[in-house]
Amino acid sequence: LAENFEECFKIYADMILNPEFKKEELDRE
């Protein structure tokens, strides 16, 4: 929804700019 766009965009921006690729997540994925 338009009212939630900024909060959702912030989450995606953080995902793209700051991924951790932690070993436990990497091995699971």
PDB file of all heavy atoms in Angstrom:
ATOM      1  N   LEU A   1       0.839  -1.188   0.000  1.00  0.00           N
ATOM      2  CA  LEU A   1       0.000   0.000   0.000  1.00  0.00           C
ATOM      3  C   LEU A   1       0.881   1.248   0.000  1.00  0.00           C
ATOM      4  O   LEU A   1       1.968   1.254   0.587  1.00  0.00           O
ATOM      5  CB  LEU A   1      -0.906   0.000   1.221  1.00  0.00           C
ATOM      6  CG  LEU A   1      -1.928  -1.151   1.305  1.00  0.00           C
ATOM      7  CD1 LEU A   1      -2.709  -1.060   2.613  1.00  0.00           C
ATOM      8  CD2 LEU A   1      -2.872  -1.129   0.114  1.00  0.00           C
ATOM      9  N   ALA A   2       0.375   2.296  -0.647  1.00  0.00           N
ATOM     10  CA  ALA A   2       1.156   3.525  -0.764  1.00  0.00           C
ATOM     11  C   ALA A   2       1.586   4.052   0.603  1.00  0.00           C
ATOM     12  O   ALA A   2       2.703   4.555   0.763  1.00  0.00           O
ATOM     13  CB  ALA A   2       0.348   4.583  -1.517  1.00  0.00           C
ATOM     14  N   GLU A   3       0.748   3.890   1.613  1.00  0.00           N
ATOM     15  CA  GLU A   3       1.056   4.417   2.944  1.00  0.00           C
ATOM     16  C   GLU A   3       2.246   3.709   3.605  1.00  0.00           C
ATOM     17  O   GLU A   3       2.864   4.246   4.525  1.00  0.00           O
ATOM     18  CB  GLU A   3      -0.173   4.300   3.848  1.00  0.00           C
ATOM     19  CG  GLU A   3      -0.603   2.865   4.071  1.00  0.00           C
ATOM     20  CD  GLU A   3      -2.022   2.752   4.600  1.00  0.00           C
ATOM     21  OE1 GLU A   3      -2.962   3.130   3.875  1.00  0.00           O
ATOM     22  OE2 GLU A   3      -2.173   2.284   5.741  1.00  0.00           O
ATOM     23  N   ASN A   4       2.563   2.478   3.130  1.00  0.00           N
ATOM     24  CA  ASN A   4       3.652   1.707   3.711  1.00  0.00           C
ATOM     25  C   ASN A   4       4.898   1.658   2.831  1.00  0.00           C
ATOM     26  O   ASN A   4       5.860   0.948   3.150  1.00  0.00           O
ATOM     27  CB  ASN A   4       3.197   0.272   3.995  1.00  0.00           C
ATOM     28  CG  ASN A   4       2.103   0.212   5.043  1.00  0.00           C
ATOM     29  OD1 ASN A   4       2.097   1.019   5.974  1.00  0.00           O
ATOM     30  ND2 ASN A   4       1.179  -0.712   4.894  1.00  0.00           N
ATOM     31  N   PHE A   5       4.891   2.430   1.747  1.00  0.00           N
ATOM     32  CA  PHE A   5       5.981   2.329   0.780  1.00  0.00           C
ATOM     33  C   PHE A   5       7.337   2.660   1.392  1.00  0.00           C
ATOM     34  O   PHE A   5       8.313   1.932   1.213  1.00  0.00           O
ATOM     35  CB  PHE A   5       5.715   3.251  -0.418  1.00  0.00           C
ATOM     36  CG  PHE A   5       6.923   3.452  -1.286  1.00  0.00           C
ATOM     37  CD1 PHE A   5       7.358   2.446  -2.132  1.00  0.00           C
ATOM     38  CD2 PHE A   5       7.664   4.626  -1.217  1.00  0.00           C
ATOM     39  CE1 PHE A   5       8.491   2.612  -2.916  1.00  0.00           C
ATOM     40  CE2 PHE A   5       8.796   4.805  -1.998  1.00  0.00           C
ATOM     41  CZ  PHE A   5       9.211   3.791  -2.844  1.00  0.00           C
ATOM     42  N   GLU A   6       7.430   3.760   2.129  1.00  0.00           N
ATOM     43  CA  GLU A   6       8.741   4.187   2.626  1.00  0.00           C
ATOM     44  C   GLU A   6       9.346   3.138   3.552  1.00  0.00           C
ATOM     45  O   GLU A   6      10.553   2.843   3.454  1.00  0.00           O
ATOM     46  CB  GLU A   6       8.640   5.532   3.348  1.00  0.00           C
ATOM     47  CG  GLU A   6       9.998   6.033   3.811  1.00  0.00           C
ATOM     48  CD  GLU A   6       9.984   7.486   4.266  1.00  0.00           C
ATOM     49  OE1 GLU A   6       8.895   8.103   4.297  1.00  0.00           O
ATOM     50  OE2 GLU A   6      11.074   8.014   4.583  1.00  0.00           O
ATOM     51  N   GLU A   7       8.551   2.565   4.442  1.00  0.00           N
ATOM     52  CA  GLU A   7       9.082   1.570   5.368  1.00  0.00           C
ATOM     53  C   GLU A   7       9.543   0.318   4.624  1.00  0.00           C
ATOM     54  O   GLU A   7      10.591  -0.251   4.941  1.00  0.00           O
ATOM     55  CB  GLU A   7       8.034   1.207   6.417  1.00  0.00           C
ATOM     56  CG  GLU A   7       7.702   2.334   7.382  1.00  0.00           C
ATOM     57  CD  GLU A   7       8.920   2.869   8.103  1.00  0.00           C
ATOM     58  OE1 GLU A   7       9.802   2.057   8.472  1.00  0.00           O
ATOM     59  OE2 GLU A   7       9.013   4.097   8.291  1.00  0.00           O
ATOM     60  N   CYS A   8       8.784  -0.114   3.634  1.00  0.00           N
ATOM     61  CA  CYS A   8       9.169  -1.295   2.855  1.00  0.00           C
ATOM     62  C   CYS A   8      10.426  -1.018   2.031  1.00  0.00           C
ATOM     63  O   CYS A   8      11.308  -1.877   1.909  1.00  0.00           O
ATOM     64  CB  CYS A   8       8.029  -1.729   1.943  1.00  0.00           C
ATOM     65  SG  CYS A   8       6.598  -2.392   2.832  1.00  0.00           S
ATOM     66  N   PHE A   9      10.512   0.179   1.474  1.00  0.00           N
ATOM     67  CA  PHE A   9      11.692   0.522   0.670  1.00  0.00           C
ATOM     68  C   PHE A   9      12.949   0.546   1.537  1.00  0.00           C
ATOM     69  O   PHE A   9      14.018   0.106   1.106  1.00  0.00           O
ATOM     70  CB  PHE A   9      11.498   1.869  -0.020  1.00  0.00           C
ATOM     71  CG  PHE A   9      12.572   2.179  -1.027  1.00  0.00           C
ATOM     72  CD1 PHE A   9      12.467   1.715  -2.329  1.00  0.00           C
ATOM     73  CD2 PHE A   9      13.703   2.903  -0.665  1.00  0.00           C
ATOM     74  CE1 PHE A   9      13.470   1.971  -3.256  1.00  0.00           C
ATOM     75  CE2 PHE A   9      14.707   3.167  -1.573  1.00  0.00           C
ATOM     76  CZ  PHE A   9      14.591   2.693  -2.876  1.00  0.00           C
ATOM     77  N   LYS A  10      12.828   1.040   2.762  1.00  0.00           N
ATOM     78  CA  LYS A  10      13.976   1.060   3.673  1.00  0.00           C
ATOM     79  C   LYS A  10      14.496  -0.357   3.923  1.00  0.00           C
ATOM     80  O   LYS A  10      15.709  -0.580   4.001  1.00  0.00           O
ATOM     81  CB  LYS A  10      13.577   1.712   4.989  1.00  0.00           C
ATOM     82  CG  LYS A  10      13.419   3.214   4.934  1.00  0.00           C
ATOM     83  CD  LYS A  10      13.011   3.761   6.297  1.00  0.00           C
ATOM     84  CE  LYS A  10      12.869   5.276   6.266  1.00  0.00           C
ATOM     85  NZ  LYS A  10      12.440   5.807   7.591  1.00  0.00           N
ATOM     86  N   ILE A  11      13.591  -1.302   4.066  1.00  0.00           N
ATOM     87  CA  ILE A  11      13.985  -2.701   4.299  1.00  0.00           C
ATOM     88  C   ILE A  11      14.733  -3.244   3.088  1.00  0.00           C
ATOM     89  O   ILE A  11      15.803  -3.848   3.218  1.00  0.00           O
ATOM     90  CB  ILE A  11      12.748  -3.558   4.606  1.00  0.00           C
ATOM     91  CG1 ILE A  11      12.100  -3.104   5.910  1.00  0.00           C
ATOM     92  CG2 ILE A  11      13.114  -5.043   4.682  1.00  0.00           C
ATOM     93  CD1 ILE A  11      10.717  -3.678   6.146  1.00  0.00           C
ATOM     94  N   TYR A  12      14.198  -3.010   1.899  1.00  0.00           N
ATOM     95  CA  TYR A  12      14.861  -3.493   0.680  1.00  0.00           C
ATOM     96  C   TYR A  12      16.222  -2.807   0.487  1.00  0.00           C
ATOM     97  O   TYR A  12      17.195  -3.437   0.070  1.00  0.00           O
ATOM     98  CB  TYR A  12      13.967  -3.252  -0.540  1.00  0.00           C
ATOM     99  CG  TYR A  12      13.271  -4.504  -1.016  1.00  0.00           C
ATOM    100  CD1 TYR A  12      12.494  -5.261  -0.150  1.00  0.00           C
ATOM    101  CD2 TYR A  12      13.393  -4.941  -2.325  1.00  0.00           C
ATOM    102  CE1 TYR A  12      11.866  -6.415  -0.577  1.00  0.00           C
ATOM    103  CE2 TYR A  12      12.765  -6.088  -2.772  1.00  0.00           C
ATOM    104  CZ  TYR A  12      11.993  -6.825  -1.892  1.00  0.00           C
ATOM    105  OH  TYR A  12      11.377  -7.976  -2.311  1.00  0.00           O
ATOM    106  N   ALA A  13      16.298  -1.530   0.791  1.00  0.00           N
ATOM    107  CA  ALA A  13      17.560  -0.808   0.642  1.00  0.00           C
ATOM    108  C   ALA A  13      18.613  -1.399   1.568  1.00  0.00           C
ATOM    109  O   ALA A  13      19.780  -1.585   1.170  1.00  0.00           O
ATOM    110  CB  ALA A  13      17.352   0.669   0.943  1.00  0.00           C
ATOM    111  N   ASP A  14      18.230  -1.706   2.795  1.00  0.00           N
ATOM    112  CA  ASP A  14      19.174  -2.304   3.738  1.00  0.00           C
ATOM    113  C   ASP A  14      19.618  -3.680   3.269  1.00  0.00           C
ATOM    114  O   ASP A  14      20.806  -4.030   3.350  1.00  0.00           O
ATOM    115  CB  ASP A  14      18.508  -2.399   5.116  1.00  0.00           C
ATOM    116  CG  ASP A  14      19.490  -2.783   6.208  1.00  0.00           C
ATOM    117  OD1 ASP A  14      20.695  -2.492   6.062  1.00  0.00           O
ATOM    118  OD2 ASP A  14      19.053  -3.394   7.204  1.00  0.00           O
ATOM    119  N   MET A  15      18.684  -4.470   2.742  1.00  0.00           N
ATOM    120  CA  MET A  15      19.023  -5.792   2.206  1.00  0.00           C
ATOM    121  C   MET A  15      20.070  -5.688   1.111  1.00  0.00           C
ATOM    122  O   MET A  15      21.032  -6.462   1.072  1.00  0.00           O
ATOM    123  CB  MET A  15      17.760  -6.453   1.628  1.00  0.00           C
ATOM    124  CG  MET A  15      16.788  -7.000   2.635  1.00  0.00           C
ATOM    125  SD  MET A  15      15.164  -7.342   1.870  1.00  0.00           S
ATOM    126  CE  MET A  15      15.615  -8.038   0.295  1.00  0.00           C
ATOM    127  N   ILE A  16      19.885  -4.737   0.212  1.00  0.00           N
ATOM    128  CA  ILE A  16      20.766  -4.628  -0.959  1.00  0.00           C
ATOM    129  C   ILE A  16      22.123  -4.046  -0.596  1.00  0.00           C
ATOM    130  O   ILE A  16      23.157  -4.476  -1.106  1.00  0.00           O
ATOM    131  CB  ILE A  16      20.065  -3.784  -2.046  1.00  0.00           C
ATOM    132  CG1 ILE A  16      18.915  -4.591  -2.654  1.00  0.00           C
ATOM    133  CG2 ILE A  16      21.048  -3.333  -3.118  1.00  0.00           C
ATOM    134  CD1 ILE A  16      17.956  -3.778  -3.475  1.00  0.00           C
ATOM    135  N   LEU A  17      22.134  -3.089   0.325  1.00  0.00           N
ATOM    136  CA  LEU A  17      23.384  -2.412   0.668  1.00  0.00           C
ATOM    137  C   LEU A  17      24.209  -3.141   1.719  1.00  0.00           C
ATOM    138  O   LEU A  17      25.441  -3.069   1.711  1.00  0.00           O
ATOM    139  CB  LEU A  17      23.082  -0.995   1.163  1.00  0.00           C
ATOM    140  CG  LEU A  17      22.540  -0.013   0.131  1.00  0.00           C
ATOM    141  CD1 LEU A  17      22.038   1.245   0.823  1.00  0.00           C
ATOM    142  CD2 LEU A  17      23.602   0.336  -0.903  1.00  0.00           C
ATOM    143  N   ASN A  18      23.529  -3.850   2.620  1.00  0.00           N
ATOM    144  CA  ASN A  18      24.238  -4.377   3.797  1.00  0.00           C
ATOM    145  C   ASN A  18      24.002  -5.860   4.057  1.00  0.00           C
ATOM    146  O   ASN A  18      23.802  -6.258   5.211  1.00  0.00           O
ATOM    147  CB  ASN A  18      23.810  -3.572   5.040  1.00  0.00           C
ATOM    148  CG  ASN A  18      24.006  -2.082   4.854  1.00  0.00           C
ATOM    149  OD1 ASN A  18      25.111  -1.631   4.568  1.00  0.00           O
ATOM    150  ND2 ASN A  18      22.928  -1.320   5.014  1.00  0.00           N
ATOM    151  N   PRO A  19      24.028  -6.712   3.065  1.00  0.00           N
ATOM    152  CA  PRO A  19      23.822  -8.142   3.338  1.00  0.00           C
ATOM    153  C   PRO A  19      25.021  -8.710   4.104  1.00  0.00           C
ATOM    154  O   PRO A  19      26.157  -8.341   3.843  1.00  0.00           O
ATOM    155  CB  PRO A  19      23.709  -8.748   1.942  1.00  0.00           C
ATOM    156  CG  PRO A  19      24.532  -7.850   1.071  1.00  0.00           C
ATOM    157  CD  PRO A  19      24.327  -6.466   1.642  1.00  0.00           C
ATOM    158  N   GLU A  20      24.751  -9.624   5.032  1.00  0.00           N
ATOM    159  CA  GLU A  20      25.805 -10.190   5.859  1.00  0.00           C
ATOM    160  C   GLU A  20      26.381 -11.484   5.297  1.00  0.00           C
ATOM    161  O   GLU A  20      27.559 -11.773   5.466  1.00  0.00           O
ATOM    162  CB  GLU A  20      25.259 -10.459   7.273  1.00  0.00           C
ATOM    163  CG  GLU A  20      25.149  -9.217   8.135  1.00  0.00           C
ATOM    164  CD  GLU A  20      26.496  -8.785   8.687  1.00  0.00           C
ATOM    165  OE1 GLU A  20      27.183  -8.026   7.976  1.00  0.00           O
ATOM    166  OE2 GLU A  20      26.860  -9.197   9.804  1.00  0.00           O
ATOM    167  N   PHE A  21      25.533 -12.279   4.637  1.00  0.00           N
ATOM    168  CA  PHE A  21      25.964 -13.591   4.136  1.00  0.00           C
ATOM    169  C   PHE A  21      26.591 -14.417   5.270  1.00  0.00           C
ATOM    170  O   PHE A  21      27.684 -14.967   5.131  1.00  0.00           O
ATOM    171  CB  PHE A  21      26.970 -13.449   2.993  1.00  0.00           C
ATOM    172  CG  PHE A  21      26.384 -12.935   1.693  1.00  0.00           C
ATOM    173  CD1 PHE A  21      25.138 -12.325   1.656  1.00  0.00           C
ATOM    174  CD2 PHE A  21      27.089 -13.039   0.515  1.00  0.00           C
ATOM    175  CE1 PHE A  21      24.605 -11.848   0.464  1.00  0.00           C
ATOM    176  CE2 PHE A  21      26.572 -12.564  -0.685  1.00  0.00           C
ATOM    177  CZ  PHE A  21      25.326 -11.962  -0.705  1.00  0.00           C
ATOM    178  N   LYS A  22      25.896 -14.491   6.400  1.00  0.00           N
ATOM    179  CA  LYS A  22      26.408 -15.248   7.535  1.00  0.00           C
ATOM    180  C   LYS A  22      26.538 -16.722   7.185  1.00  0.00           C
ATOM    181  O   LYS A  22      25.726 -17.265   6.441  1.00  0.00           O
ATOM    182  CB  LYS A  22      25.485 -15.071   8.742  1.00  0.00           C
ATOM    183  CG  LYS A  22      25.494 -13.665   9.305  1.00  0.00           C
ATOM    184  CD  LYS A  22      24.540 -13.539  10.487  1.00  0.00           C
ATOM    185  CE  LYS A  22      24.548 -12.120  11.046  1.00  0.00           C
ATOM    186  NZ  LYS A  22      23.574 -11.966  12.160  1.00  0.00           N
ATOM    187  N   LYS A  23      27.546 -17.372   7.768  1.00  0.00           N
ATOM    188  CA  LYS A  23      27.852 -18.754   7.405  1.00  0.00           C
ATOM    189  C   LYS A  23      26.660 -19.680   7.616  1.00  0.00           C
ATOM    190  O   LYS A  23      26.351 -20.505   6.758  1.00  0.00           O
ATOM    191  CB  LYS A  23      29.053 -19.259   8.211  1.00  0.00           C
ATOM    192  CG  LYS A  23      29.487 -20.667   7.806  1.00  0.00           C
ATOM    193  CD  LYS A  23      30.667 -21.145   8.601  1.00  0.00           C
ATOM    194  CE  LYS A  23      31.173 -22.486   8.079  1.00  0.00           C
ATOM    195  NZ  LYS A  23      30.122 -23.526   8.022  1.00  0.00           N
ATOM    196  N   GLU A  24      25.967 -19.542   8.744  1.00  0.00           N
ATOM    197  CA  GLU A  24      24.850 -20.446   9.007  1.00  0.00           C
ATOM    198  C   GLU A  24      23.715 -20.262   7.998  1.00  0.00           C
ATOM    199  O   GLU A  24      23.085 -21.223   7.562  1.00  0.00           O
ATOM    200  CB  GLU A  24      24.329 -20.272  10.433  1.00  0.00           C
ATOM    201  CG  GLU A  24      23.819 -18.887  10.781  1.00  0.00           C
ATOM    202  CD  GLU A  24      24.881 -17.972  11.352  1.00  0.00           C
ATOM    203  OE1 GLU A  24      26.090 -18.187  11.060  1.00  0.00           O
ATOM    204  OE2 GLU A  24      24.511 -17.031  12.080  1.00  0.00           O
ATOM    205  N   GLU A  25      23.490 -19.009   7.593  1.00  0.00           N
ATOM    206  CA  GLU A  25      22.467 -18.739   6.577  1.00  0.00           C
ATOM    207  C   GLU A  25      22.936 -19.223   5.210  1.00  0.00           C
ATOM    208  O   GLU A  25      22.159 -19.759   4.422  1.00  0.00           O
ATOM    209  CB  GLU A  25      22.148 -17.247   6.532  1.00  0.00           C
ATOM    210  CG  GLU A  25      21.443 -16.705   7.755  1.00  0.00           C
ATOM    211  CD  GLU A  25      19.995 -17.175   7.874  1.00  0.00           C
ATOM    212  OE1 GLU A  25      19.511 -17.865   6.958  1.00  0.00           O
ATOM    213  OE2 GLU A  25      19.358 -16.837   8.882  1.00  0.00           O
ATOM    214  N   LEU A  26      24.215 -19.004   4.926  1.00  0.00           N
ATOM    215  CA  LEU A  26      24.774 -19.432   3.646  1.00  0.00           C
ATOM    216  C   LEU A  26      24.666 -20.938   3.485  1.00  0.00           C
ATOM    217  O   LEU A  26      24.216 -21.440   2.441  1.00  0.00           O
ATOM    218  CB  LEU A  26      26.234 -18.982   3.562  1.00  0.00           C
ATOM    219  CG  LEU A  26      26.952 -19.171   2.220  1.00  0.00           C
ATOM    220  CD1 LEU A  26      26.323 -18.306   1.155  1.00  0.00           C
ATOM    221  CD2 LEU A  26      28.427 -18.847   2.373  1.00  0.00           C
ATOM    222  N   ASP A  27      25.042 -21.675   4.519  1.00  0.00           N
ATOM    223  CA  ASP A  27      24.999 -23.135   4.436  1.00  0.00           C
ATOM    224  C   ASP A  27      23.573 -23.654   4.332  1.00  0.00           C
ATOM    225  O   ASP A  27      23.308 -24.628   3.620  1.00  0.00           O
ATOM    226  CB  ASP A  27      25.689 -23.741   5.663  1.00  0.00           C
ATOM    227  CG  ASP A  27      27.197 -23.525   5.651  1.00  0.00           C
ATOM    228  OD1 ASP A  27      27.736 -23.244   4.554  1.00  0.00           O
ATOM    229  OD2 ASP A  27      27.833 -23.621   6.718  1.00  0.00           O
ATOM    230  N   ARG A  28      22.643 -23.010   5.031  1.00  0.00           N
ATOM    231  CA  ARG A  28      21.246 -23.420   4.949  1.00  0.00           C
ATOM    232  C   ARG A  28      20.673 -23.142   3.560  1.00  0.00           C
ATOM    233  O   ARG A  28      19.955 -23.963   2.987  1.00  0.00           O
ATOM    234  CB  ARG A  28      20.437 -22.694   6.021  1.00  0.00           C
ATOM    235  CG  ARG A  28      18.984 -23.111   6.085  1.00  0.00           C
ATOM    236  CD  ARG A  28      18.305 -22.714   7.385  1.00  0.00           C
ATOM    237  NE  ARG A  28      18.718 -21.410   7.881  1.00  0.00           N
ATOM    238  CZ  ARG A  28      19.298 -21.224   9.062  1.00  0.00           C
ATOM    239  NH1 ARG A  28      19.548 -22.245   9.858  1.00  0.00           N
ATOM    240  NH2 ARG A  28      19.620 -19.995   9.463  1.00  0.00           N
ATOM    241  N   GLU A  29      21.033 -21.973   3.015  1.00  0.00           N
ATOM    242  CA  GLU A  29      20.469 -21.595   1.713  1.00  0.00           C
ATOM    243  C   GLU A  29      21.064 -22.403   0.571  1.00  0.00           C
ATOM    244  O   GLU A  29      20.424 -22.560  -0.477  1.00  0.00           O
ATOM    245  CB  GLU A  29      20.655 -20.099   1.475  1.00  0.00           C
ATOM    246  CG  GLU A  29      19.657 -19.493   0.503  1.00  0.00           C
ATOM    247  CD  GLU A  29      18.211 -19.604   0.963  1.00  0.00           C
ATOM    248  OE1 GLU A  29      17.970 -19.733   2.187  1.00  0.00           O
ATOM    249  OE2 GLU A  29      17.306 -19.557   0.100  1.00  0.00           O
TER     250      GLU A  29
END
